[in-house]
Protein backbone atom coordinates (compact mmCIF):
# COMPACT_ATOMS: atom_id res chain seq x y z
CA UNK A 1 128.25 141.55 123.66
CA UNK A 2 130.83 141.56 127.09
CA UNK A 3 127.15 143.06 128.40
CA UNK A 4 124.40 140.46 126.87
CA UNK A 5 127.15 137.83 127.69
CA UNK A 6 126.17 139.08 131.34
CA UNK A 7 122.23 139.97 130.81
CA UNK A 8 122.38 136.96 129.11
CA UNK A 9 123.50 135.31 132.32
CA UNK A 10 121.69 137.35 134.82
CA UNK A 11 118.12 136.27 133.27
CA UNK A 12 119.69 132.61 133.66
CA UNK A 13 120.00 132.93 137.44
CA UNK A 14 115.98 133.31 137.96
CA UNK A 15 114.67 131.45 135.54
CA UNK A 16 116.11 127.89 136.81
CA UNK A 17 115.38 129.07 140.50
CA UNK A 18 112.15 129.53 139.28
CA UNK A 19 112.33 126.56 137.39
CA UNK A 20 113.63 124.64 140.82
CA UNK A 21 111.03 126.33 142.96
CA UNK A 22 108.52 124.54 140.51
CA UNK A 23 109.82 121.02 140.72
CA UNK A 24 109.99 121.49 144.50
CA UNK A 25 106.11 122.82 145.26
CA UNK A 26 105.92 119.91 142.47
CA UNK A 27 107.16 117.33 144.17
CA UNK A 28 105.26 118.11 147.23
CA UNK A 29 102.68 117.86 146.06
CA UNK A 30 103.37 115.10 143.92
CA UNK A 31 104.70 113.74 147.90
CA UNK A 32 101.03 114.52 148.49
CA UNK A 33 98.43 112.31 146.59
CA UNK A 34 100.73 109.27 147.11
CA UNK A 35 100.25 109.87 150.94
CA UNK A 36 96.81 111.33 150.49
CA UNK A 37 96.16 107.96 148.74
CA UNK A 38 97.91 105.61 150.84
CA UNK A 39 95.54 107.57 154.29
CA UNK A 40 93.17 106.63 151.67
CA UNK A 41 93.96 102.92 150.65
CA UNK A 42 94.60 102.40 154.55
CA UNK A 43 91.27 103.38 156.53
CA UNK A 44 89.81 100.94 158.83
CA UNK A 45 86.69 98.93 156.77
CA UNK A 46 83.50 99.03 160.24
CA UNK A 47 83.29 97.57 162.91
CA UNK A 48 81.35 93.79 162.17
CA UNK A 49 80.96 93.35 165.31
CA UNK A 50 80.91 93.52 168.40
CA UNK A 51 83.35 92.08 170.48
CA UNK A 52 85.60 95.60 171.24
CA UNK A 53 86.23 95.42 175.75
CA UNK A 54 87.65 97.83 177.47
CA UNK A 55 87.77 99.32 180.50
CA UNK A 56 85.26 101.75 179.32
CA UNK A 57 84.13 103.87 176.10
CA UNK A 58 84.81 106.77 174.46
CA UNK A 59 82.65 108.08 171.43
CA UNK A 60 83.09 111.20 169.27
CA UNK A 61 79.86 112.88 167.93
CA UNK A 62 79.72 113.96 164.68
CA UNK A 63 78.38 113.12 161.09
CA UNK A 64 77.68 109.54 161.37
CA UNK A 65 76.28 107.22 163.34
CA UNK A 66 79.13 106.84 165.35
CA UNK A 67 76.59 107.23 168.98
CA UNK A 68 74.33 104.24 169.02
CA UNK A 69 77.02 101.70 168.63
CA UNK A 70 79.02 103.75 171.54
CA UNK A 71 75.40 103.11 173.79
CA UNK A 72 74.97 99.30 172.82
CA UNK A 73 78.31 98.49 173.61
CA UNK A 74 77.46 100.38 176.83
CA UNK A 75 74.05 98.69 177.68
CA UNK A 76 75.70 94.65 176.44
CA UNK A 77 78.78 95.70 179.63
CA UNK A 78 81.77 95.44 177.26
CA UNK A 79 82.52 99.16 178.56
CA UNK A 80 81.91 100.28 182.90
CA UNK A 81 81.22 103.40 182.44
CA UNK A 82 80.55 105.50 178.83
CA UNK A 83 81.93 109.83 177.88
CA UNK A 84 80.43 110.53 175.07
CA UNK A 85 82.72 114.04 174.00
CA UNK A 86 82.33 116.67 172.74
CA UNK A 87 78.12 117.05 173.77
CA UNK A 88 75.99 119.99 172.45
CA UNK A 89 75.85 122.20 175.04
CA UNK A 90 72.34 123.03 174.82
CA UNK A 91 71.51 118.45 174.53
CA UNK A 92 69.71 117.29 177.74
CA UNK A 93 70.96 114.35 179.04
CA UNK A 94 67.10 113.22 179.04
CA UNK A 95 67.20 113.44 174.90
CA UNK A 96 70.65 111.62 173.89
CA UNK A 97 69.06 109.01 175.68
CA UNK A 98 65.39 108.97 174.14
CA UNK A 99 66.78 109.74 171.15
CA UNK A 100 69.75 106.28 170.76
CA UNK A 101 67.22 105.36 172.91
CA UNK A 102 69.45 103.87 175.67
CA UNK A 103 68.86 101.18 178.82
CA UNK A 104 69.07 101.23 182.14
CA UNK A 105 72.56 101.80 181.51
CA UNK A 106 73.17 104.27 179.91
CA UNK A 107 71.68 106.27 183.30
CA UNK A 108 73.95 105.54 185.86
CA UNK A 109 77.06 104.72 183.72
CA UNK A 110 77.06 107.86 180.20
CA UNK A 111 78.58 111.09 181.41
CA UNK A 112 78.38 113.26 178.76
CA UNK A 113 81.44 115.53 177.64
CA UNK A 114 80.76 119.46 176.77
CA UNK A 115 84.37 121.16 176.65
CA UNK A 116 85.64 119.97 173.81
CA UNK A 117 84.87 121.73 170.29
CA UNK A 118 86.95 119.36 167.94
CA UNK A 119 89.46 116.52 168.31
CA UNK A 120 92.04 117.34 170.24
CA UNK A 121 89.17 118.44 172.56
CA UNK A 122 87.92 115.18 172.39
CA UNK A 123 91.27 113.35 173.86
CA UNK A 124 92.37 115.55 176.22
CA UNK A 125 88.68 115.66 177.61
CA UNK A 126 88.66 112.07 177.27
CA UNK A 127 92.66 111.74 178.89
CA UNK A 128 90.70 113.64 182.18
CA UNK A 129 88.11 111.09 182.71
CA UNK A 130 89.83 108.35 181.96
CA UNK A 131 92.15 109.46 184.26
CA UNK A 132 89.70 109.96 187.30
CA UNK A 133 88.12 106.46 186.55
CA UNK A 134 92.06 104.62 186.59
CA UNK A 135 90.61 103.61 183.08
CA UNK A 136 93.96 101.21 181.24
CA UNK A 137 91.84 100.73 178.48
CA UNK A 138 89.56 102.18 175.42
CA UNK A 139 87.20 101.50 173.33
CA UNK A 140 87.40 104.26 171.33
CA UNK A 141 84.08 104.90 169.11
CA UNK A 142 84.82 106.50 165.75
CA UNK A 143 83.69 107.70 162.59
CA UNK A 144 85.93 104.75 160.16
CA UNK A 145 87.40 108.26 157.85
CA UNK A 146 87.95 110.04 161.35
CA UNK A 147 90.11 106.82 163.34
CA UNK A 148 93.21 107.27 162.78
CA UNK A 149 94.27 111.46 163.18
CA UNK A 150 91.45 110.37 166.53
CA UNK A 151 93.96 107.79 167.55
CA UNK A 152 96.66 110.20 166.94
CA UNK A 153 95.56 112.87 169.81
CA UNK A 154 94.82 110.14 172.19
CA UNK A 155 97.69 108.04 172.01
CA UNK A 156 99.47 111.32 173.03
CA UNK A 157 97.56 112.91 176.08
CA UNK A 158 96.75 109.57 177.56
CA UNK A 159 100.14 107.14 176.23
CA UNK A 160 99.83 104.68 179.18
CA UNK A 161 96.55 104.01 177.68
CA UNK A 162 95.27 101.16 175.65
CA UNK A 163 93.49 101.78 173.00
CA UNK A 164 91.05 99.74 171.05
CA UNK A 165 89.24 101.00 167.70
CA UNK A 166 85.76 101.19 167.01
CA UNK A 167 85.34 102.33 163.70
CA UNK A 168 81.84 102.99 162.38
CA UNK A 169 80.59 104.31 159.33
CA UNK A 170 79.93 107.19 158.08
CA UNK A 171 77.44 109.07 155.70
CA UNK A 172 80.65 109.37 152.96
CA UNK A 173 81.04 105.92 152.14
CA UNK A 174 80.48 103.96 149.14
CA UNK A 175 81.34 105.05 145.98
CA UNK A 176 83.70 108.30 146.12
CA UNK A 177 82.03 112.18 145.38
CA UNK A 178 83.24 115.07 144.54
CA UNK A 179 81.81 116.02 148.52
CA UNK A 180 82.91 112.61 149.89
CA UNK A 181 86.96 113.90 148.08
CA UNK A 182 86.65 117.05 150.10
CA UNK A 183 85.73 115.59 152.94
CA UNK A 184 87.80 113.04 152.90
CA UNK A 185 91.24 115.58 151.56
CA UNK A 186 90.44 117.37 154.11
CA UNK A 187 90.84 114.88 157.08
CA UNK A 188 94.18 114.00 156.42
CA UNK A 189 95.41 117.91 156.58
CA UNK A 190 93.88 117.70 159.19
CA UNK A 191 95.65 114.39 160.30
CA UNK A 192 98.86 115.53 158.53
CA UNK A 193 98.99 118.74 160.98
CA UNK A 194 97.79 116.84 164.37
CA UNK A 195 101.05 114.64 163.74
CA UNK A 196 103.22 117.44 162.93
CA UNK A 197 101.78 118.92 166.14
CA UNK A 198 102.54 115.74 167.99
CA UNK A 199 105.49 114.33 166.48
CA UNK A 200 107.99 117.62 166.35
CA UNK A 201 106.14 119.99 169.02
CA UNK A 202 104.02 118.17 171.43
CA UNK A 203 105.84 118.34 175.91
CA UNK A 204 106.90 114.33 176.51
CA UNK A 205 104.81 113.04 178.23
CA UNK A 206 105.18 110.44 181.57
CA UNK A 207 103.67 107.14 180.84
């Protein structure tokens, strides 16, 4: 009898641990799902007007029509210069001007950044450019679903610079599909990773 009771007690301990781990995993999954839902609901709508004004403009390359609105803002004088960050090294300024239908302001005041390979790199590249020109405010142009992470990374690199979001529509706008869900879920996971790194591991910067 004693051996049977001991055996039963020994079996109960691993089962209890498994149940606790299962509850923890389910709680984390539920928390992630709720966070994702709120994140999607709070995504900014594409900018409907062109009244944003700052010292300069930064456009991040990627999917969707991100660059044309930034060029239009430059041509209208909403910023003194434009940085297009994350440009393919094989792309020339003349080819990009023709593609984006740039005007005279594009020739004199548009800079191409070729160093960035991701959003963090975009922020680092933009920070060097903004500090070099002593800009205190930037219009940030990127896809609406990409804006939260972009602002997070940009603010971490240059906390003294005022960031004015200019979200544009992406090719995942509209009715939710499996492809758009995967894209949004991937971006949310990257946002969480950036938030953890910036909040807990990024070195403090002087403002």
